[in-house]
Amino acid sequence: MLRVILLLIFGVVSFNGCSFYRIDSKDMSTDLFPPKDTADKVVYLEKVDKPYIVIGLVNLSTQRRSPRDEVVARMRQEAAILGGDAITELVCDNAPVQVHYTAKVIVLK
């Protein structure tokens, strides 16, 4: 638990910048998966060609001008906290001022 809190604090401090980001996640699994040490251990996959389990969802809202690679990096950080191996099925919902992203957090079998 302390490890998760430290990862959250590190994520907030390291990603605190000029752009506005609101990120949250929803755990959808009854199984426990240990958090990853770093977001580098979580990948973004447009297509998944291996069996997997969906363990959660990550939601992110940001300003329209935010670069997509930065959005994916922040979502990978949140997925690492959940213990995911990857994020996939990234959906973008464009609104006039903000953009809302959703992605599935998965664990590969």
PDB file of N, CA and C in Angstrom:
ATOM      1  N   MET A   1       0.822  -1.189   0.000  1.00  0.00           N
ATOM      2  CA  MET A   1       0.000   0.000   0.000  1.00  0.00           C
ATOM      3  C   MET A   1       0.869   1.256   0.000  1.00  0.00           C
ATOM      4  N   LEU A   2       1.915   1.242   0.807  1.00  0.00           N
ATOM      5  CA  LEU A   2       2.824   2.381   0.858  1.00  0.00           C
ATOM      6  C   LEU A   2       3.471   2.600  -0.510  1.00  0.00           C
ATOM      7  N   ARG A   3       3.767   1.500  -1.195  1.00  0.00           N
ATOM      8  CA  ARG A   3       4.390   1.583  -2.511  1.00  0.00           C
ATOM      9  C   ARG A   3       3.461   2.286  -3.506  1.00  0.00           C
ATOM     10  N   VAL A   4       2.184   1.963  -3.453  1.00  0.00           N
ATOM     11  CA  VAL A   4       1.203   2.576  -4.337  1.00  0.00           C
ATOM     12  C   VAL A   4       1.102   4.072  -4.055  1.00  0.00           C
ATOM     13  N   ILE A   5       1.071   4.429  -2.777  1.00  0.00           N
ATOM     14  CA  ILE A   5       0.988   5.840  -2.402  1.00  0.00           C
ATOM     15  C   ILE A   5       2.220   6.595  -2.886  1.00  0.00           C
ATOM     16  N   LEU A   6       3.391   5.996  -2.732  1.00  0.00           N
ATOM     17  CA  LEU A   6       4.616   6.640  -3.195  1.00  0.00           C
ATOM     18  C   LEU A   6       4.610   6.811  -4.712  1.00  0.00           C
ATOM     19  N   LEU A   7       4.119   5.792  -5.433  1.00  0.00           N
ATOM     20  CA  LEU A   7       4.019   5.905  -6.892  1.00  0.00           C
ATOM     21  C   LEU A   7       3.058   7.026  -7.291  1.00  0.00           C
ATOM     22  N   LEU A   8       1.957   7.141  -6.575  1.00  0.00           N
ATOM     23  CA  LEU A   8       1.008   8.212  -6.860  1.00  0.00           C
ATOM     24  C   LEU A   8       1.630   9.582  -6.627  1.00  0.00           C
ATOM     25  N   ILE A   9       2.319   9.740  -5.502  1.00  0.00           N
ATOM     26  CA  ILE A   9       2.956  11.023  -5.185  1.00  0.00           C
ATOM     27  C   ILE A   9       4.012  11.341  -6.230  1.00  0.00           C
ATOM     28  N   PHE A  10       4.820  10.357  -6.596  1.00  0.00           N
ATOM     29  CA  PHE A  10       5.851  10.560  -7.607  1.00  0.00           C
ATOM     30  C   PHE A  10       5.216  10.967  -8.935  1.00  0.00           C
ATOM     31  N   GLY A  11       4.137  10.310  -9.315  1.00  0.00           N
ATOM     32  CA  GLY A  11       3.464  10.631 -10.565  1.00  0.00           C
ATOM     33  C   GLY A  11       2.920  12.043 -10.587  1.00  0.00           C
ATOM     34  N   VAL A  12       2.313  12.456  -9.490  1.00  0.00           N
ATOM     35  CA  VAL A  12       1.745  13.805  -9.412  1.00  0.00           C
ATOM     36  C   VAL A  12       2.849  14.848  -9.475  1.00  0.00           C
ATOM     37  N   VAL A  13       3.921  14.643  -8.738  1.00  0.00           N
ATOM     38  CA  VAL A  13       5.006  15.614  -8.692  1.00  0.00           C
ATOM     39  C   VAL A  13       5.740  15.675 -10.028  1.00  0.00           C
ATOM     40  N   SER A  14       6.030  14.519 -10.624  1.00  0.00           N
ATOM     41  CA  SER A  14       6.827  14.513 -11.851  1.00  0.00           C
ATOM     42  C   SER A  14       6.050  14.983 -13.066  1.00  0.00           C
ATOM     43  N   PHE A  15       4.739  14.804 -13.068  1.00  0.00           N
ATOM     44  CA  PHE A  15       3.953  15.205 -14.224  1.00  0.00           C
ATOM     45  C   PHE A  15       3.233  16.538 -14.031  1.00  0.00           C
ATOM     46  N   ASN A  16       3.528  17.239 -12.969  1.00  0.00           N
ATOM     47  CA  ASN A  16       2.875  18.507 -12.722  1.00  0.00           C
ATOM     48  C   ASN A  16       3.490  19.565 -13.635  1.00  0.00           C
ATOM     49  N   GLY A  17       2.721  20.068 -14.559  1.00  0.00           N
ATOM     50  CA  GLY A  17       3.240  21.037 -15.509  1.00  0.00           C
ATOM     51  C   GLY A  17       2.212  22.100 -15.803  1.00  0.00           C
ATOM     52  N   CYS A  18       2.367  22.746 -16.934  1.00  0.00           N
ATOM     53  CA  CYS A  18       1.472  23.830 -17.300  1.00  0.00           C
ATOM     54  C   CYS A  18       0.105  23.334 -17.758  1.00  0.00           C
ATOM     55  N   SER A  19       0.051  22.166 -18.337  1.00  0.00           N
ATOM     56  CA  SER A  19      -1.206  21.659 -18.865  1.00  0.00           C
ATOM     57  C   SER A  19      -2.056  21.051 -17.763  1.00  0.00           C
ATOM     58  N   PHE A  20      -3.339  21.130 -17.979  1.00  0.00           N
ATOM     59  CA  PHE A  20      -4.299  20.565 -17.040  1.00  0.00           C
ATOM     60  C   PHE A  20      -4.584  19.119 -17.415  1.00  0.00           C
ATOM     61  N   TYR A  21      -4.419  18.218 -16.479  1.00  0.00           N
ATOM     62  CA  TYR A  21      -4.763  16.813 -16.672  1.00  0.00           C
ATOM     63  C   TYR A  21      -5.587  16.345 -15.485  1.00  0.00           C
ATOM     64  N   ARG A  22      -6.650  15.642 -15.772  1.00  0.00           N
ATOM     65  CA  ARG A  22      -7.430  14.982 -14.719  1.00  0.00           C
ATOM     66  C   ARG A  22      -7.470  13.522 -15.103  1.00  0.00           C
ATOM     67  N   ILE A  23      -6.912  12.683 -14.262  1.00  0.00           N
ATOM     68  CA  ILE A  23      -6.830  11.262 -14.572  1.00  0.00           C
ATOM     69  C   ILE A  23      -7.376  10.454 -13.405  1.00  0.00           C
ATOM     70  N   ASP A  24      -8.093   9.406 -13.746  1.00  0.00           N
ATOM     71  CA  ASP A  24      -8.551   8.473 -12.730  1.00  0.00           C
ATOM     72  C   ASP A  24      -8.662   7.094 -13.367  1.00  0.00           C
ATOM     73  N   SER A  25      -8.810   6.116 -12.520  1.00  0.00           N
ATOM     74  CA  SER A  25      -8.896   4.748 -13.013  1.00  0.00           C
ATOM     75  C   SER A  25      -9.932   3.982 -12.216  1.00  0.00           C
ATOM     76  N   LYS A  26     -10.379   2.906 -12.815  1.00  0.00           N
ATOM     77  CA  LYS A  26     -11.358   2.045 -12.170  1.00  0.00           C
ATOM     78  C   LYS A  26     -10.846   0.611 -12.259  1.00  0.00           C
ATOM     79  N   ASP A  27     -10.669   0.005 -11.107  1.00  0.00           N
ATOM     80  CA  ASP A  27     -10.238  -1.387 -11.032  1.00  0.00           C
ATOM     81  C   ASP A  27     -11.448  -2.272 -11.314  1.00  0.00           C
ATOM     82  N   MET A  28     -11.333  -3.174 -12.294  1.00  0.00           N
ATOM     83  CA  MET A  28     -12.458  -4.019 -12.682  1.00  0.00           C
ATOM     84  C   MET A  28     -12.229  -5.501 -12.384  1.00  0.00           C
ATOM     85  N   SER A  29     -11.150  -5.818 -11.711  1.00  0.00           N
ATOM     86  CA  SER A  29     -10.803  -7.206 -11.456  1.00  0.00           C
ATOM     87  C   SER A  29     -10.878  -7.515  -9.967  1.00  0.00           C
ATOM     88  N   THR A  30     -11.258  -8.741  -9.665  1.00  0.00           N
ATOM     89  CA  THR A  30     -11.245  -9.174  -8.269  1.00  0.00           C
ATOM     90  C   THR A  30      -9.863  -9.696  -7.882  1.00  0.00           C
ATOM     91  N   ASP A  31      -9.024  -9.963  -8.877  1.00  0.00           N
ATOM     92  CA  ASP A  31      -7.649 -10.408  -8.620  1.00  0.00           C
ATOM     93  C   ASP A  31      -6.771  -9.202  -8.327  1.00  0.00           C
ATOM     94  N   LEU A  32      -5.729  -9.435  -7.558  1.00  0.00           N
ATOM     95  CA  LEU A  32      -4.773  -8.371  -7.248  1.00  0.00           C
ATOM     96  C   LEU A  32      -3.542  -8.526  -8.125  1.00  0.00           C
ATOM     97  N   PHE A  33      -3.119  -7.434  -8.711  1.00  0.00           N
ATOM     98  CA  PHE A  33      -1.922  -7.414  -9.541  1.00  0.00           C
ATOM     99  C   PHE A  33      -0.962  -6.395  -8.946  1.00  0.00           C
ATOM    100  N   PRO A  34       0.286  -6.807  -8.719  1.00  0.00           N
ATOM    101  CA  PRO A  34       1.234  -5.869  -8.105  1.00  0.00           C
ATOM    102  C   PRO A  34       1.518  -4.689  -9.036  1.00  0.00           C
ATOM    103  N   PRO A  35       1.649  -3.493  -8.480  1.00  0.00           N
ATOM    104  CA  PRO A  35       1.961  -2.336  -9.327  1.00  0.00           C
ATOM    105  C   PRO A  35       3.330  -2.488  -9.968  1.00  0.00           C
ATOM    106  N   LYS A  36       3.475  -1.921 -11.128  1.00  0.00           N
ATOM    107  CA  LYS A  36       4.771  -1.922 -11.832  1.00  0.00           C
ATOM    108  C   LYS A  36       5.668  -0.848 -11.208  1.00  0.00           C
ATOM    109  N   ASP A  37       6.974  -1.089 -11.266  1.00  0.00           N
ATOM    110  CA  ASP A  37       7.945  -0.134 -10.719  1.00  0.00           C
ATOM    111  C   ASP A  37       7.937   1.183 -11.482  1.00  0.00           C
ATOM    112  N   THR A  38       7.669   1.091 -12.782  1.00  0.00           N
ATOM    113  CA  THR A  38       7.740   2.267 -13.647  1.00  0.00           C
ATOM    114  C   THR A  38       6.757   2.119 -14.793  1.00  0.00           C
ATOM    115  N   ALA A  39       6.352   3.231 -15.353  1.00  0.00           N
ATOM    116  CA  ALA A  39       5.437   3.219 -16.493  1.00  0.00           C
ATOM    117  C   ALA A  39       6.102   2.639 -17.739  1.00  0.00           C
ATOM    118  N   ASP A  40       7.433   2.558 -17.750  1.00  0.00           N
ATOM    119  CA  ASP A  40       8.149   1.977 -18.889  1.00  0.00           C
ATOM    120  C   ASP A  40       7.809   0.502 -19.080  1.00  0.00           C
ATOM    121  N   LYS A  41       7.295  -0.140 -18.037  1.00  0.00           N
ATOM    122  CA  LYS A  41       6.923  -1.553 -18.124  1.00  0.00           C
ATOM    123  C   LYS A  41       5.509  -1.751 -18.668  1.00  0.00           C
ATOM    124  N   VAL A  42       4.829  -0.643 -18.967  1.00  0.00           N
ATOM    125  CA  VAL A  42       3.477  -0.691 -19.531  1.00  0.00           C
ATOM    126  C   VAL A  42       3.555  -0.143 -20.953  1.00  0.00           C
ATOM    127  N   VAL A  43       2.974  -0.859 -21.904  1.00  0.00           N
ATOM    128  CA  VAL A  43       3.021  -0.438 -23.298  1.00  0.00           C
ATOM    129  C   VAL A  43       1.633  -0.050 -23.781  1.00  0.00           C
ATOM    130  N   TYR A  44       1.596   0.696 -24.863  1.00  0.00           N
ATOM    131  CA  TYR A  44       0.334   1.017 -25.532  1.00  0.00           C
ATOM    132  C   TYR A  44       0.233   0.127 -26.758  1.00  0.00           C
ATOM    133  N   LEU A  45      -0.826  -0.649 -26.842  1.00  0.00           N
ATOM    134  CA  LEU A  45      -1.049  -1.551 -27.970  1.00  0.00           C
ATOM    135  C   LEU A  45      -2.334  -1.162 -28.688  1.00  0.00           C
ATOM    136  N   GLU A  46      -2.214  -0.829 -29.971  1.00  0.00           N
ATOM    137  CA  GLU A  46      -3.422  -0.529 -30.740  1.00  0.00           C
ATOM    138  C   GLU A  46      -4.215  -1.806 -30.991  1.00  0.00           C
ATOM    139  N   LYS A  47      -3.503  -2.879 -31.298  1.00  0.00           N
ATOM    140  CA  LYS A  47      -4.128  -4.182 -31.504  1.00  0.00           C
ATOM    141  C   LYS A  47      -3.451  -5.188 -30.588  1.00  0.00           C
ATOM    142  N   VAL A  48      -4.243  -6.041 -29.983  1.00  0.00           N
ATOM    143  CA  VAL A  48      -3.701  -7.070 -29.093  1.00  0.00           C
ATOM    144  C   VAL A  48      -3.908  -8.417 -29.774  1.00  0.00           C
ATOM    145  N   ASP A  49      -2.813  -9.124 -30.035  1.00  0.00           N
ATOM    146  CA  ASP A  49      -2.899 -10.406 -30.722  1.00  0.00           C
ATOM    147  C   ASP A  49      -2.613 -11.586 -29.791  1.00  0.00           C
ATOM    148  N   LYS A  50      -2.657 -11.335 -28.497  1.00  0.00           N
ATOM    149  CA  LYS A  50      -2.446 -12.377 -27.488  1.00  0.00           C
ATOM    150  C   LYS A  50      -3.650 -12.384 -26.556  1.00  0.00           C
ATOM    151  N   PRO A  51      -3.895 -13.500 -25.876  1.00  0.00           N
ATOM    152  CA  PRO A  51      -4.975 -13.510 -24.875  1.00  0.00           C
ATOM    153  C   PRO A  51      -4.650 -12.546 -23.731  1.00  0.00           C
ATOM    154  N   TYR A  52      -5.696 -11.919 -23.205  1.00  0.00           N
ATOM    155  CA  TYR A  52      -5.501 -10.950 -22.124  1.00  0.00           C
ATOM    156  C   TYR A  52      -6.734 -10.894 -21.237  1.00  0.00           C
ATOM    157  N   ILE A  53      -6.534 -10.244 -20.084  1.00  0.00           N
ATOM    158  CA  ILE A  53      -7.609 -10.000 -19.129  1.00  0.00           C
ATOM    159  C   ILE A  53      -7.704  -8.486 -18.938  1.00  0.00           C
ATOM    160  N   VAL A  54      -8.915  -7.947 -18.993  1.00  0.00           N
ATOM    161  CA  VAL A  54      -9.123  -6.529 -18.704  1.00  0.00           C
ATOM    162  C   VAL A  54      -9.204  -6.377 -17.186  1.00  0.00           C
ATOM    163  N   ILE A  55      -8.302  -5.575 -16.629  1.00  0.00           N
ATOM    164  CA  ILE A  55      -8.299  -5.389 -15.169  1.00  0.00           C
ATOM    165  C   ILE A  55      -8.783  -4.013 -14.747  1.00  0.00           C
ATOM    166  N   GLY A  56      -8.943  -3.103 -15.705  1.00  0.00           N
ATOM    167  CA  GLY A  56      -9.398  -1.776 -15.337  1.00  0.00           C
ATOM    168  C   GLY A  56      -9.574  -0.854 -16.519  1.00  0.00           C
ATOM    169  N   LEU A  57     -10.019   0.351 -16.206  1.00  0.00           N
ATOM    170  CA  LEU A  57     -10.166   1.426 -17.184  1.00  0.00           C
ATOM    171  C   LEU A  57      -9.426   2.650 -16.675  1.00  0.00           C
ATOM    172  N   VAL A  58      -8.822   3.383 -17.592  1.00  0.00           N
ATOM    173  CA  VAL A  58      -8.165   4.644 -17.259  1.00  0.00           C
ATOM    174  C   VAL A  58      -8.891   5.740 -18.027  1.00  0.00           C
ATOM    175  N   ASN A  59      -9.245   6.799 -17.329  1.00  0.00           N
ATOM    176  CA  ASN A  59      -9.905   7.956 -17.928  1.00  0.00           C
ATOM    177  C   ASN A  59      -9.027   9.180 -17.723  1.00  0.00           C
ATOM    178  N   LEU A  60      -8.897   9.977 -18.778  1.00  0.00           N
ATOM    179  CA  LEU A  60      -8.082  11.178 -18.702  1.00  0.00           C
ATOM    180  C   LEU A  60      -8.803  12.305 -19.431  1.00  0.00           C
ATOM    181  N   SER A  61      -8.860  13.459 -18.800  1.00  0.00           N
ATOM    182  CA  SER A  61      -9.394  14.668 -19.425  1.00  0.00           C
ATOM    183  C   SER A  61      -8.276  15.695 -19.474  1.00  0.00           C
ATOM    184  N   THR A  62      -8.170  16.386 -20.587  1.00  0.00           N
ATOM    185  CA  THR A  62      -7.107  17.366 -20.749  1.00  0.00           C
ATOM    186  C   THR A  62      -7.535  18.448 -21.716  1.00  0.00           C
ATOM    187  N   GLN A  63      -6.690  19.450 -21.863  1.00  0.00           N
ATOM    188  CA  GLN A  63      -6.942  20.519 -22.811  1.00  0.00           C
ATOM    189  C   GLN A  63      -6.732  20.002 -24.230  1.00  0.00           C
ATOM    190  N   ARG A  64      -7.389  20.619 -25.160  1.00  0.00           N
ATOM    191  CA  ARG A  64      -7.326  20.188 -26.556  1.00  0.00           C
ATOM    192  C   ARG A  64      -5.895  20.212 -27.115  1.00  0.00           C
ATOM    193  N   ARG A  65      -5.052  21.083 -26.628  1.00  0.00           N
ATOM    194  CA  ARG A  65      -3.699  21.246 -27.185  1.00  0.00           C
ATOM    195  C   ARG A  65      -2.683  20.238 -26.644  1.00  0.00           C
ATOM    196  N   SER A  66      -3.069  19.378 -25.733  1.00  0.00           N
ATOM    197  CA  SER A  66      -2.133  18.414 -25.145  1.00  0.00           C
ATOM    198  C   SER A  66      -1.712  17.371 -26.175  1.00  0.00           C
ATOM    199  N   PRO A  67      -0.409  17.111 -26.291  1.00  0.00           N
ATOM    200  CA  PRO A  67       0.065  16.127 -27.266  1.00  0.00           C
ATOM    201  C   PRO A  67      -0.377  14.705 -26.899  1.00  0.00           C
ATOM    202  N   ARG A  68      -0.715  13.930 -27.908  1.00  0.00           N
ATOM    203  CA  ARG A  68      -1.200  12.566 -27.692  1.00  0.00           C
ATOM    204  C   ARG A  68      -0.159  11.689 -26.996  1.00  0.00           C
ATOM    205  N   ASP A  69       1.126  11.838 -27.336  1.00  0.00           N
ATOM    206  CA  ASP A  69       2.149  11.011 -26.697  1.00  0.00           C
ATOM    207  C   ASP A  69       2.238  11.288 -25.195  1.00  0.00           C
ATOM    208  N   GLU A  70       1.985  12.523 -24.785  1.00  0.00           N
ATOM    209  CA  GLU A  70       1.976  12.846 -23.364  1.00  0.00           C
ATOM    210  C   GLU A  70       0.748  12.250 -22.677  1.00  0.00           C
ATOM    211  N   VAL A  71      -0.379  12.257 -23.375  1.00  0.00           N
ATOM    212  CA  VAL A  71      -1.603  11.648 -22.856  1.00  0.00           C
ATOM    213  C   VAL A  71      -1.385  10.152 -22.628  1.00  0.00           C
ATOM    214  N   VAL A  72      -0.804   9.476 -23.619  1.00  0.00           N
ATOM    215  CA  VAL A  72      -0.542   8.040 -23.502  1.00  0.00           C
ATOM    216  C   VAL A  72       0.436   7.766 -22.368  1.00  0.00           C
ATOM    217  N   ALA A  73       1.446   8.596 -22.211  1.00  0.00           N
ATOM    218  CA  ALA A  73       2.422   8.414 -21.123  1.00  0.00           C
ATOM    219  C   ALA A  73       1.749   8.509 -19.755  1.00  0.00           C
ATOM    220  N   ARG A  74       0.853   9.451 -19.590  1.00  0.00           N
ATOM    221  CA  ARG A  74       0.144   9.599 -18.313  1.00  0.00           C
ATOM    222  C   ARG A  74      -0.799   8.420 -18.060  1.00  0.00           C
ATOM    223  N   MET A  75      -1.416   7.940 -19.118  1.00  0.00           N
ATOM    224  CA  MET A  75      -2.307   6.788 -18.965  1.00  0.00           C
ATOM    225  C   MET A  75      -1.499   5.526 -18.631  1.00  0.00           C
ATOM    226  N   ARG A  76      -0.320   5.392 -19.209  1.00  0.00           N
ATOM    227  CA  ARG A  76       0.553   4.260 -18.885  1.00  0.00           C
ATOM    228  C   ARG A  76       0.974   4.305 -17.418  1.00  0.00           C
ATOM    229  N   GLN A  77       1.229   5.497 -16.899  1.00  0.00           N
ATOM    230  CA  GLN A  77       1.596   5.652 -15.483  1.00  0.00           C
ATOM    231  C   GLN A  77       0.470   5.157 -14.582  1.00  0.00           C
ATOM    232  N   GLU A  78      -0.759   5.525 -14.907  1.00  0.00           N
ATOM    233  CA  GLU A  78      -1.914   5.084 -14.113  1.00  0.00           C
ATOM    234  C   GLU A  78      -2.103   3.575 -14.241  1.00  0.00           C
ATOM    235  N   ALA A  79      -1.892   3.036 -15.423  1.00  0.00           N
ATOM    236  CA  ALA A  79      -2.007   1.588 -15.631  1.00  0.00           C
ATOM    237  C   ALA A  79      -0.935   0.833 -14.842  1.00  0.00           C
ATOM    238  N   ALA A  80       0.242   1.427 -14.696  1.00  0.00           N
ATOM    239  CA  ALA A  80       1.314   0.802 -13.913  1.00  0.00           C
ATOM    240  C   ALA A  80       0.895   0.662 -12.457  1.00  0.00           C
ATOM    241  N   ILE A  81       0.192   1.645 -11.938  1.00  0.00           N
ATOM    242  CA  ILE A  81      -0.282   1.594 -10.559  1.00  0.00           C
ATOM    243  C   ILE A  81      -1.279   0.451 -10.379  1.00  0.00           C
ATOM    244  N   LEU A  82      -2.108   0.217 -11.405  1.00  0.00           N
ATOM    245  CA  LEU A  82      -3.078  -0.884 -11.351  1.00  0.00           C
ATOM    246  C   LEU A  82      -2.433  -2.252 -11.551  1.00  0.00           C
ATOM    247  N   GLY A  83      -1.193  -2.267 -12.051  1.00  0.00           N
ATOM    248  CA  GLY A  83      -0.504  -3.534 -12.286  1.00  0.00           C
ATOM    249  C   GLY A  83      -0.680  -4.069 -13.688  1.00  0.00           C
ATOM    250  N   GLY A  84      -1.109  -3.230 -14.614  1.00  0.00           N
ATOM    251  CA  GLY A  84      -1.332  -3.656 -15.994  1.00  0.00           C
ATOM    252  C   GLY A  84      -0.048  -3.826 -16.782  1.00  0.00           C
ATOM    253  N   ASP A  85      -0.152  -4.647 -17.831  1.00  0.00           N
ATOM    254  CA  ASP A  85       0.963  -4.823 -18.765  1.00  0.00           C
ATOM    255  C   ASP A  85       0.871  -3.849 -19.933  1.00  0.00           C
ATOM    256  N   ALA A  86      -0.367  -3.425 -20.243  1.00  0.00           N
ATOM    257  CA  ALA A  86      -0.573  -2.573 -21.408  1.00  0.00           C
ATOM    258  C   ALA A  86      -1.883  -1.805 -21.274  1.00  0.00           C
ATOM    259  N   ILE A  87      -1.987  -0.754 -22.094  1.00  0.00           N
ATOM    260  CA  ILE A  87      -3.272  -0.099 -22.304  1.00  0.00           C
ATOM    261  C   ILE A  87      -3.636  -0.304 -23.765  1.00  0.00           C
ATOM    262  N   THR A  88      -4.941  -0.411 -24.030  1.00  0.00           N
ATOM    263  CA  THR A  88      -5.401  -0.649 -25.383  1.00  0.00           C
ATOM    264  C   THR A  88      -6.782  -0.038 -25.564  1.00  0.00           C
ATOM    265  N   GLU A  89      -7.248  -0.051 -26.783  1.00  0.00           N
ATOM    266  CA  GLU A  89      -8.566   0.483 -27.140  1.00  0.00           C
ATOM    267  C   GLU A  89      -8.737   1.917 -26.646  1.00  0.00           C
ATOM    268  N   LEU A  90      -7.776   2.746 -26.994  1.00  0.00           N
ATOM    269  CA  LEU A  90      -7.811   4.165 -26.625  1.00  0.00           C
ATOM    270  C   LEU A  90      -8.913   4.859 -27.427  1.00  0.00           C
ATOM    271  N   VAL A  91      -9.840   5.468 -26.714  1.00  0.00           N
ATOM    272  CA  VAL A  91     -10.964   6.171 -27.332  1.00  0.00           C
ATOM    273  C   VAL A  91     -10.870   7.643 -26.961  1.00  0.00           C
ATOM    274  N   CYS A  92     -11.047   8.500 -27.951  1.00  0.00           N
ATOM    275  CA  CYS A  92     -10.981   9.942 -27.750  1.00  0.00           C
ATOM    276  C   CYS A  92     -12.356  10.547 -28.000  1.00  0.00           C
ATOM    277  N   ASP A  93     -12.838  11.316 -27.044  1.00  0.00           N
ATOM    278  CA  ASP A  93     -14.113  12.014 -27.156  1.00  0.00           C
ATOM    279  C   ASP A  93     -13.820  13.511 -27.153  1.00  0.00           C
ATOM    280  N   ASN A  94     -13.854  14.108 -28.335  1.00  0.00           N
ATOM    281  CA  ASN A  94     -13.544  15.538 -28.457  1.00  0.00           C
ATOM    282  C   ASN A  94     -14.709  16.392 -27.995  1.00  0.00           C
ATOM    283  N   ALA A  95     -14.408  17.291 -27.101  1.00  0.00           N
ATOM    284  CA  ALA A  95     -15.363  18.294 -26.657  1.00  0.00           C
ATOM    285  C   ALA A  95     -14.811  19.656 -27.075  1.00  0.00           C
ATOM    286  N   PRO A  96     -15.608  20.717 -27.013  1.00  0.00           N
ATOM    287  CA  PRO A  96     -15.126  22.022 -27.481  1.00  0.00           C
ATOM    288  C   PRO A  96     -13.839  22.519 -26.812  1.00  0.00           C
ATOM    289  N   VAL A  97     -13.720  22.320 -25.508  1.00  0.00           N
ATOM    290  CA  VAL A  97     -12.548  22.839 -24.791  1.00  0.00           C
ATOM    291  C   VAL A  97     -11.644  21.711 -24.315  1.00  0.00           C
ATOM    292  N   GLN A  98     -12.233  20.656 -23.799  1.00  0.00           N
ATOM    293  CA  GLN A  98     -11.464  19.534 -23.268  1.00  0.00           C
ATOM    294  C   GLN A  98     -11.597  18.314 -24.170  1.00  0.00           C
ATOM    295  N   VAL A  99     -10.643  17.413 -24.019  1.00  0.00           N
ATOM    296  CA  VAL A  99     -10.669  16.131 -24.707  1.00  0.00           C
ATOM    297  C   VAL A  99     -10.678  15.055 -23.636  1.00  0.00           C
ATOM    298  N   HIS A 100     -11.529  14.061 -23.794  1.00  0.00           N
ATOM    299  CA  HIS A 100     -11.643  12.963 -22.841  1.00  0.00           C
ATOM    300  C   HIS A 100     -11.157  11.678 -23.507  1.00  0.00           C
ATOM    301  N   TYR A 101     -10.230  11.008 -22.843  1.00  0.00           N
ATOM    302  CA  TYR A 101      -9.686   9.741 -23.336  1.00  0.00           C
ATOM    303  C   TYR A 101     -10.063   8.628 -22.366  1.00  0.00           C
ATOM    304  N   THR A 102     -10.285   7.446 -22.923  1.00  0.00           N
ATOM    305  CA  THR A 102     -10.520   6.250 -22.129  1.00  0.00           C
ATOM    306  C   THR A 102      -9.721   5.118 -22.755  1.00  0.00           C
ATOM    307  N   ALA A 103      -9.131   4.273 -21.920  1.00  0.00           N
ATOM    308  CA  ALA A 103      -8.395   3.110 -22.410  1.00  0.00           C
ATOM    309  C   ALA A 103      -8.584   1.952 -21.435  1.00  0.00           C
ATOM    310  N   LYS A 104      -8.528   0.745 -21.983  1.00  0.00           N
ATOM    311  CA  LYS A 104      -8.585  -0.449 -21.146  1.00  0.00           C
ATOM    312  C   LYS A 104      -7.187  -0.763 -20.635  1.00  0.00           C
ATOM    313  N   VAL A 105      -7.107  -1.182 -19.381  1.00  0.00           N
ATOM    314  CA  VAL A 105      -5.854  -1.657 -18.790  1.00  0.00           C
ATOM    315  C   VAL A 105      -5.925  -3.177 -18.824  1.00  0.00           C
ATOM    316  N   ILE A 106      -4.897  -3.809 -19.413  1.00  0.00           N
ATOM    317  CA  ILE A 106      -4.932  -5.266 -19.573  1.00  0.00           C
ATOM    318  C   ILE A 106      -3.678  -5.917 -18.995  1.00  0.00           C
ATOM    319  N   VAL A 107      -3.845  -7.203 -18.677  1.00  0.00           N
ATOM    320  CA  VAL A 107      -2.733  -8.060 -18.293  1.00  0.00           C
ATOM    321  C   VAL A 107      -2.692  -9.180 -19.332  1.00  0.00           C
ATOM    322  N   LEU A 108      -1.545  -9.375 -19.928  1.00  0.00           N
ATOM    323  CA  LEU A 108      -1.391 -10.424 -20.938  1.00  0.00           C
ATOM    324  C   LEU A 108      -1.269 -11.786 -20.259  1.00  0.00           C
ATOM    325  N   LYS A 109      -1.906 -12.790 -20.853  1.00  0.00           N
ATOM    326  CA  LYS A 109      -1.848 -14.147 -20.285  1.00  0.00           C
ATOM    327  C   LYS A 109      -0.594 -14.860 -20.742  1.00  0.00           C
TER     328      LYS A 109
END
